[in-house]
């Protein structure tokens, strides 16, 4: 890869001898083709596709900075079938990474989505946290802090009265930005989490 870049630069220098303005134009076109700038998630339409990743514990500032730097680097070069994706991300509550793609410009392919998941999976050991396959349920405790538990424990907490219909829960299964905006965080009774709270515990 290094020698390929060197040869490319040499070719561009040779071209400059004949066309002084060509190098600048070529680099600008290449940059526009390979690096789609991130946009603010607020600027994407409701139809945008989203993926939500929840960490199994709060990330401190250092880990969050590491995560967001790597995510921004990945998204700035994210492609599907050679086309750059218009992508944005959001970080909430020291736990939740949301990645959104505007499908109206270029849709994310299966391979490009796999690349996103692989990138985050590789980061987990450096973050000291699980984000891709946690399988956890996220909710706010009585003090408002975000907690997580597996489904069995979440149901037990409901039976013990620690959580209930008015408990605020998070829904990482949303698939569009419109859903994320409308119901990512809501009361358990208004979400599929309510079914877990109604489950009877074995005697």
C-alpha atoms as a PDB file:
ATOM      1  CA  UNK A   1       0.000   0.000   0.000  1.00  0.00           C
ATOM      2  CA  UNK A   2       2.882   2.370   0.838  1.00  0.00           C
ATOM      3  CA  UNK A   3       4.627   1.848  -2.506  1.00  0.00           C
ATOM      4  CA  UNK A   4       1.333   2.228  -4.341  1.00  0.00           C
ATOM      5  CA  UNK A   5       0.844   5.622  -2.688  1.00  0.00           C
ATOM      6  CA  UNK A   6       4.420   6.639  -3.580  1.00  0.00           C
ATOM      7  CA  UNK A   7       3.949   5.671  -7.225  1.00  0.00           C
ATOM      8  CA  UNK A   8       0.643   7.552  -7.314  1.00  0.00           C
ATOM      9  CA  UNK A   9       2.312  10.687  -5.964  1.00  0.00           C
ATOM     10  CA  UNK A  10       5.119  10.408  -8.521  1.00  0.00           C
ATOM     11  CA  UNK A  11       2.602  10.105 -11.345  1.00  0.00           C
ATOM     12  CA  UNK A  12       0.803  13.170 -10.073  1.00  0.00           C
ATOM     13  CA  UNK A  13       4.082  15.135  -9.910  1.00  0.00           C
ATOM     14  CA  UNK A  14       4.873  14.203 -13.503  1.00  0.00           C
ATOM     15  CA  UNK A  15       1.414  15.327 -14.528  1.00  0.00           C
ATOM     16  CA  UNK A  16       1.963  18.649 -12.778  1.00  0.00           C
ATOM     17  CA  UNK A  17       4.814  19.441 -15.172  1.00  0.00           C
ATOM     18  CA  UNK A  18       2.314  19.508 -18.018  1.00  0.00           C
ATOM     19  CA  UNK A  19      -0.741  20.810 -16.173  1.00  0.00           C
ATOM     20  CA  UNK A  20       0.039  22.845 -13.022  1.00  0.00           C
ATOM     21  CA  UNK A  21      -3.564  22.876 -11.832  1.00  0.00           C
ATOM     22  CA  UNK A  22      -4.241  19.191 -12.365  1.00  0.00           C
ATOM     23  CA  UNK A  23      -2.745  17.923  -9.102  1.00  0.00           C
ATOM     24  CA  UNK A  24      -4.978  20.063  -6.943  1.00  0.00           C
ATOM     25  CA  UNK A  25      -8.076  19.138  -8.943  1.00  0.00           C
ATOM     26  CA  UNK A  26      -7.238  15.414  -8.911  1.00  0.00           C
ATOM     27  CA  UNK A  27      -6.674  15.349  -5.185  1.00  0.00           C
ATOM     28  CA  UNK A  28      -9.886  17.223  -4.537  1.00  0.00           C
ATOM     29  CA  UNK A  29     -11.876  14.812  -6.719  1.00  0.00           C
ATOM     30  CA  UNK A  30     -10.228  11.793  -5.089  1.00  0.00           C
ATOM     31  CA  UNK A  31     -10.931  13.136  -1.614  1.00  0.00           C
ATOM     32  CA  UNK A  32     -14.572  13.816  -2.484  1.00  0.00           C
ATOM     33  CA  UNK A  33     -14.922  10.315  -3.882  1.00  0.00           C
ATOM     34  CA  UNK A  34     -13.284   8.476  -0.992  1.00  0.00           C
ATOM     35  CA  UNK A  35     -14.187  10.589   2.045  1.00  0.00           C
ATOM     36  CA  UNK A  36     -17.782  11.638   2.579  1.00  0.00           C
ATOM     37  CA  UNK A  37     -17.872  14.215   5.390  1.00  0.00           C
ATOM     38  CA  UNK A  38     -19.944  13.322   8.424  1.00  0.00           C
ATOM     39  CA  UNK A  39     -23.131  15.274   8.861  1.00  0.00           C
ATOM     40  CA  UNK A  40     -25.088  16.034  12.003  1.00  0.00           C
ATOM     41  CA  UNK A  41     -27.612  13.343  12.814  1.00  0.00           C
ATOM     42  CA  UNK A  42     -30.239  16.069  13.226  1.00  0.00           C
ATOM     43  CA  UNK A  43     -29.848  16.869   9.527  1.00  0.00           C
ATOM     44  CA  UNK A  44     -30.685  13.360   8.290  1.00  0.00           C
ATOM     45  CA  UNK A  45     -34.256  12.440   7.296  1.00  0.00           C
ATOM     46  CA  UNK A  46     -36.509  10.167   9.363  1.00  0.00           C
ATOM     47  CA  UNK A  47     -36.188   7.497   6.676  1.00  0.00           C
ATOM     48  CA  UNK A  48     -32.462   7.049   7.416  1.00  0.00           C
ATOM     49  CA  UNK A  49     -31.459   3.586   8.569  1.00  0.00           C
ATOM     50  CA  UNK A  50     -30.008   3.294  12.052  1.00  0.00           C
ATOM     51  CA  UNK A  51     -28.063   0.846  14.171  1.00  0.00           C
ATOM     52  CA  UNK A  52     -27.836   1.285  17.933  1.00  0.00           C
ATOM     53  CA  UNK A  53     -24.992  -0.223  19.959  1.00  0.00           C
ATOM     54  CA  UNK A  54     -25.189  -0.269  23.753  1.00  0.00           C
ATOM     55  CA  UNK A  55     -22.126  -0.691  25.961  1.00  0.00           C
ATOM     56  CA  UNK A  56     -22.448  -3.113  28.860  1.00  0.00           C
ATOM     57  CA  UNK A  57     -21.235  -0.396  31.236  1.00  0.00           C
ATOM     58  CA  UNK A  58     -20.627   3.354  31.180  1.00  0.00           C
ATOM     59  CA  UNK A  59     -17.603   4.421  29.164  1.00  0.00           C
ATOM     60  CA  UNK A  60     -15.331   6.976  30.781  1.00  0.00           C
ATOM     61  CA  UNK A  61     -14.180  10.016  28.833  1.00  0.00           C
ATOM     62  CA  UNK A  62     -11.000   8.344  27.605  1.00  0.00           C
ATOM     63  CA  UNK A  63     -12.809   5.284  26.274  1.00  0.00           C
ATOM     64  CA  UNK A  64     -15.566   7.399  24.735  1.00  0.00           C
ATOM     65  CA  UNK A  65     -12.984   9.577  22.955  1.00  0.00           C
ATOM     66  CA  UNK A  66     -11.285   6.463  21.591  1.00  0.00           C
ATOM     67  CA  UNK A  67     -14.595   5.046  20.402  1.00  0.00           C
ATOM     68  CA  UNK A  68     -15.757   8.221  18.680  1.00  0.00           C
ATOM     69  CA  UNK A  69     -12.404   8.881  17.010  1.00  0.00           C
ATOM     70  CA  UNK A  70     -12.388   5.415  15.486  1.00  0.00           C
ATOM     71  CA  UNK A  71     -16.044   5.562  14.532  1.00  0.00           C
ATOM     72  CA  UNK A  72     -15.624   8.955  12.845  1.00  0.00           C
ATOM     73  CA  UNK A  73     -12.601   7.655  10.944  1.00  0.00           C
ATOM     74  CA  UNK A  74     -14.546   4.615   9.799  1.00  0.00           C
ATOM     75  CA  UNK A  75     -17.649   6.558   8.791  1.00  0.00           C
ATOM     76  CA  UNK A  76     -15.647   9.130   6.817  1.00  0.00           C
ATOM     77  CA  UNK A  77     -14.468   6.294   4.566  1.00  0.00           C
ATOM     78  CA  UNK A  78     -17.601   4.119   4.662  1.00  0.00           C
ATOM     79  CA  UNK A  79     -18.646   2.877   1.233  1.00  0.00           C
ATOM     80  CA  UNK A  80     -21.200   0.545  -0.311  1.00  0.00           C
ATOM     81  CA  UNK A  81     -20.401  -0.813  -3.781  1.00  0.00           C
ATOM     82  CA  UNK A  82     -17.882   1.969  -4.265  1.00  0.00           C
ATOM     83  CA  UNK A  83     -20.259   4.787  -3.329  1.00  0.00           C
ATOM     84  CA  UNK A  84     -19.629   6.877  -0.197  1.00  0.00           C
ATOM     85  CA  UNK A  85     -22.368   6.735   2.412  1.00  0.00           C
ATOM     86  CA  UNK A  86     -23.878   9.854   3.962  1.00  0.00           C
ATOM     87  CA  UNK A  87     -23.533   8.869   7.611  1.00  0.00           C
ATOM     88  CA  UNK A  88     -23.904  10.421  11.041  1.00  0.00           C
ATOM     89  CA  UNK A  89     -23.532   9.204  14.593  1.00  0.00           C
ATOM     90  CA  UNK A  90     -24.764  10.064  18.062  1.00  0.00           C
ATOM     91  CA  UNK A  91     -23.433   9.276  21.534  1.00  0.00           C
ATOM     92  CA  UNK A  92     -25.829   9.263  24.492  1.00  0.00           C
ATOM     93  CA  UNK A  93     -25.725   8.585  28.211  1.00  0.00           C
ATOM     94  CA  UNK A  94     -22.125   7.300  28.100  1.00  0.00           C
ATOM     95  CA  UNK A  95     -23.617   4.070  26.735  1.00  0.00           C
ATOM     96  CA  UNK A  96     -25.297   4.338  23.362  1.00  0.00           C
ATOM     97  CA  UNK A  97     -23.700   4.734  19.957  1.00  0.00           C
ATOM     98  CA  UNK A  98     -26.183   5.323  17.141  1.00  0.00           C
ATOM     99  CA  UNK A  99     -25.050   5.210  13.518  1.00  0.00           C
ATOM    100  CA  UNK A 100     -27.390   6.496  10.804  1.00  0.00           C
ATOM    101  CA  UNK A 101     -27.192   6.363   7.006  1.00  0.00           C
ATOM    102  CA  UNK A 102     -29.259   8.418   4.590  1.00  0.00           C
ATOM    103  CA  UNK A 103     -30.603   5.733   2.248  1.00  0.00           C
ATOM    104  CA  UNK A 104     -31.752   8.312  -0.298  1.00  0.00           C
ATOM    105  CA  UNK A 105     -28.174   9.011  -1.387  1.00  0.00           C
ATOM    106  CA  UNK A 106     -26.643   5.524  -1.202  1.00  0.00           C
ATOM    107  CA  UNK A 107     -27.872   2.552   0.798  1.00  0.00           C
ATOM    108  CA  UNK A 108     -25.659   0.493   3.077  1.00  0.00           C
ATOM    109  CA  UNK A 109     -24.954  -2.971   1.664  1.00  0.00           C
ATOM    110  CA  UNK A 110     -24.582  -6.186   3.614  1.00  0.00           C
ATOM    111  CA  UNK A 111     -20.806  -6.046   3.274  1.00  0.00           C
ATOM    112  CA  UNK A 112     -20.629  -2.431   4.404  1.00  0.00           C
ATOM    113  CA  UNK A 113     -22.793  -3.197   7.446  1.00  0.00           C
ATOM    114  CA  UNK A 114     -20.581  -6.172   8.299  1.00  0.00           C
ATOM    115  CA  UNK A 115     -17.606  -3.811   8.107  1.00  0.00           C
ATOM    116  CA  UNK A 116     -19.198  -1.510  10.679  1.00  0.00           C
ATOM    117  CA  UNK A 117     -19.849  -4.394  13.067  1.00  0.00           C
ATOM    118  CA  UNK A 118     -16.337  -5.787  12.625  1.00  0.00           C
ATOM    119  CA  UNK A 119     -14.805  -2.389  13.274  1.00  0.00           C
ATOM    120  CA  UNK A 120     -16.711  -2.020  16.553  1.00  0.00           C
ATOM    121  CA  UNK A 121     -15.999  -5.592  17.572  1.00  0.00           C
ATOM    122  CA  UNK A 122     -12.270  -5.017  17.161  1.00  0.00           C
ATOM    123  CA  UNK A 123     -12.531  -1.975  19.428  1.00  0.00           C
ATOM    124  CA  UNK A 124     -14.106  -3.846  22.338  1.00  0.00           C
ATOM    125  CA  UNK A 125     -10.844  -5.078  23.863  1.00  0.00           C
ATOM    126  CA  UNK A 126      -9.407  -1.548  23.796  1.00  0.00           C
ATOM    127  CA  UNK A 127     -12.578  -0.103  25.281  1.00  0.00           C
ATOM    128  CA  UNK A 128     -12.883  -2.781  27.935  1.00  0.00           C
ATOM    129  CA  UNK A 129     -16.570  -3.024  27.083  1.00  0.00           C
ATOM    130  CA  UNK A 130     -18.909  -5.132  24.985  1.00  0.00           C
ATOM    131  CA  UNK A 131     -20.945  -3.216  22.411  1.00  0.00           C
ATOM    132  CA  UNK A 132     -21.834  -5.499  19.526  1.00  0.00           C
ATOM    133  CA  UNK A 133     -23.203  -8.688  21.066  1.00  0.00           C
ATOM    134  CA  UNK A 134     -24.169  -7.679  24.586  1.00  0.00           C
ATOM    135  CA  UNK A 135     -27.810  -8.814  24.266  1.00  0.00           C
ATOM    136  CA  UNK A 136     -28.671  -6.619  27.225  1.00  0.00           C
ATOM    137  CA  UNK A 137     -31.752  -4.657  28.192  1.00  0.00           C
ATOM    138  CA  UNK A 138     -31.126  -1.045  29.148  1.00  0.00           C
ATOM    139  CA  UNK A 139     -33.212   0.945  31.614  1.00  0.00           C
ATOM    140  CA  UNK A 140     -32.995   3.788  34.108  1.00  0.00           C
ATOM    141  CA  UNK A 141     -32.971   2.985  37.792  1.00  0.00           C
ATOM    142  CA  UNK A 142     -34.866   5.011  40.383  1.00  0.00           C
ATOM    143  CA  UNK A 143     -32.086   7.595  40.444  1.00  0.00           C
ATOM    144  CA  UNK A 144     -32.162   8.003  36.679  1.00  0.00           C
ATOM    145  CA  UNK A 145     -28.859   6.245  36.016  1.00  0.00           C
ATOM    146  CA  UNK A 146     -28.674   3.903  33.024  1.00  0.00           C
ATOM    147  CA  UNK A 147     -28.388   0.243  34.006  1.00  0.00           C
ATOM    148  CA  UNK A 148     -28.325  -2.973  32.022  1.00  0.00           C
ATOM    149  CA  UNK A 149     -29.400  -6.546  32.649  1.00  0.00           C
ATOM    150  CA  UNK A 150     -30.076  -9.681  30.675  1.00  0.00           C
ATOM    151  CA  UNK A 151     -33.703 -10.583  29.985  1.00  0.00           C
ATOM    152  CA  UNK A 152     -33.988 -13.012  32.869  1.00  0.00           C
ATOM    153  CA  UNK A 153     -32.664 -10.515  35.387  1.00  0.00           C
ATOM    154  CA  UNK A 154     -34.836  -7.747  33.958  1.00  0.00           C
ATOM    155  CA  UNK A 155     -37.913  -9.929  34.479  1.00  0.00           C
ATOM    156  CA  UNK A 156     -36.787 -10.725  38.024  1.00  0.00           C
ATOM    157  CA  UNK A 157     -36.394  -7.034  38.795  1.00  0.00           C
ATOM    158  CA  UNK A 158     -39.942  -6.525  37.643  1.00  0.00           C
ATOM    159  CA  UNK A 159     -41.203  -9.290  39.909  1.00  0.00           C
ATOM    160  CA  UNK A 160     -39.250  -7.799  42.815  1.00  0.00           C
ATOM    161  CA  UNK A 161     -40.812  -4.386  42.234  1.00  0.00           C
ATOM    162  CA  UNK A 162     -37.497  -2.729  41.434  1.00  0.00           C
ATOM    163  CA  UNK A 163     -38.775  -1.710  38.025  1.00  0.00           C
ATOM    164  CA  UNK A 164     -42.278  -1.297  36.651  1.00  0.00           C
ATOM    165  CA  UNK A 165     -44.469   0.076  33.851  1.00  0.00           C
ATOM    166  CA  UNK A 166     -43.207   3.628  34.408  1.00  0.00           C
ATOM    167  CA  UNK A 167     -39.529   2.636  34.300  1.00  0.00           C
ATOM    168  CA  UNK A 168     -37.731   4.365  31.467  1.00  0.00           C
ATOM    169  CA  UNK A 169     -36.258   1.882  28.999  1.00  0.00           C
ATOM    170  CA  UNK A 170     -34.196   2.099  25.819  1.00  0.00           C
ATOM    171  CA  UNK A 171     -35.035   0.344  22.568  1.00  0.00           C
ATOM    172  CA  UNK A 172     -31.899  -0.464  20.522  1.00  0.00           C
ATOM    173  CA  UNK A 173     -34.015  -2.479  18.057  1.00  0.00           C
ATOM    174  CA  UNK A 174     -35.227   0.643  16.224  1.00  0.00           C
ATOM    175  CA  UNK A 175     -34.320   0.540  12.546  1.00  0.00           C
ATOM    176  CA  UNK A 176     -35.066   4.043  11.251  1.00  0.00           C
ATOM    177  CA  UNK A 177     -34.109   7.476  12.455  1.00  0.00           C
ATOM    178  CA  UNK A 178     -37.787   8.365  12.764  1.00  0.00           C
ATOM    179  CA  UNK A 179     -38.306   5.467  15.192  1.00  0.00           C
ATOM    180  CA  UNK A 180     -35.162   6.406  17.085  1.00  0.00           C
ATOM    181  CA  UNK A 181     -36.369   9.972  17.498  1.00  0.00           C
ATOM    182  CA  UNK A 182     -39.833   8.893  18.585  1.00  0.00           C
ATOM    183  CA  UNK A 183     -39.254   5.929  20.863  1.00  0.00           C
ATOM    184  CA  UNK A 184     -35.645   5.168  21.637  1.00  0.00           C
ATOM    185  CA  UNK A 185     -36.339   6.058  25.279  1.00  0.00           C
ATOM    186  CA  UNK A 186     -39.832   5.664  26.692  1.00  0.00           C
ATOM    187  CA  UNK A 187     -41.812   4.047  29.511  1.00  0.00           C
ATOM    188  CA  UNK A 188     -41.661   0.260  29.713  1.00  0.00           C
ATOM    189  CA  UNK A 189     -45.454   0.022  29.440  1.00  0.00           C
ATOM    190  CA  UNK A 190     -45.255   1.688  26.011  1.00  0.00           C
ATOM    191  CA  UNK A 191     -42.535  -0.634  24.717  1.00  0.00           C
ATOM    192  CA  UNK A 192     -41.994  -4.344  24.124  1.00  0.00           C
ATOM    193  CA  UNK A 193     -40.236  -4.352  27.500  1.00  0.00           C
ATOM    194  CA  UNK A 194     -43.666  -4.367  29.117  1.00  0.00           C
ATOM    195  CA  UNK A 195     -44.181  -7.982  28.043  1.00  0.00           C
ATOM    196  CA  UNK A 196     -41.117  -9.012  30.014  1.00  0.00           C
ATOM    197  CA  UNK A 197     -42.438  -7.307  33.123  1.00  0.00           C
ATOM    198  CA  UNK A 198     -45.718  -9.212  32.852  1.00  0.00           C
ATOM    199  CA  UNK A 199     -44.006 -12.602  32.785  1.00  0.00           C
ATOM    200  CA  UNK A 200     -44.690 -14.723  35.837  1.00  0.00           C
ATOM    201  CA  UNK A 201     -41.730 -15.927  37.830  1.00  0.00           C
ATOM    202  CA  UNK A 202     -41.440 -19.667  38.631  1.00  0.00           C
ATOM    203  CA  UNK A 203     -42.457 -20.595  42.143  1.00  0.00           C
END
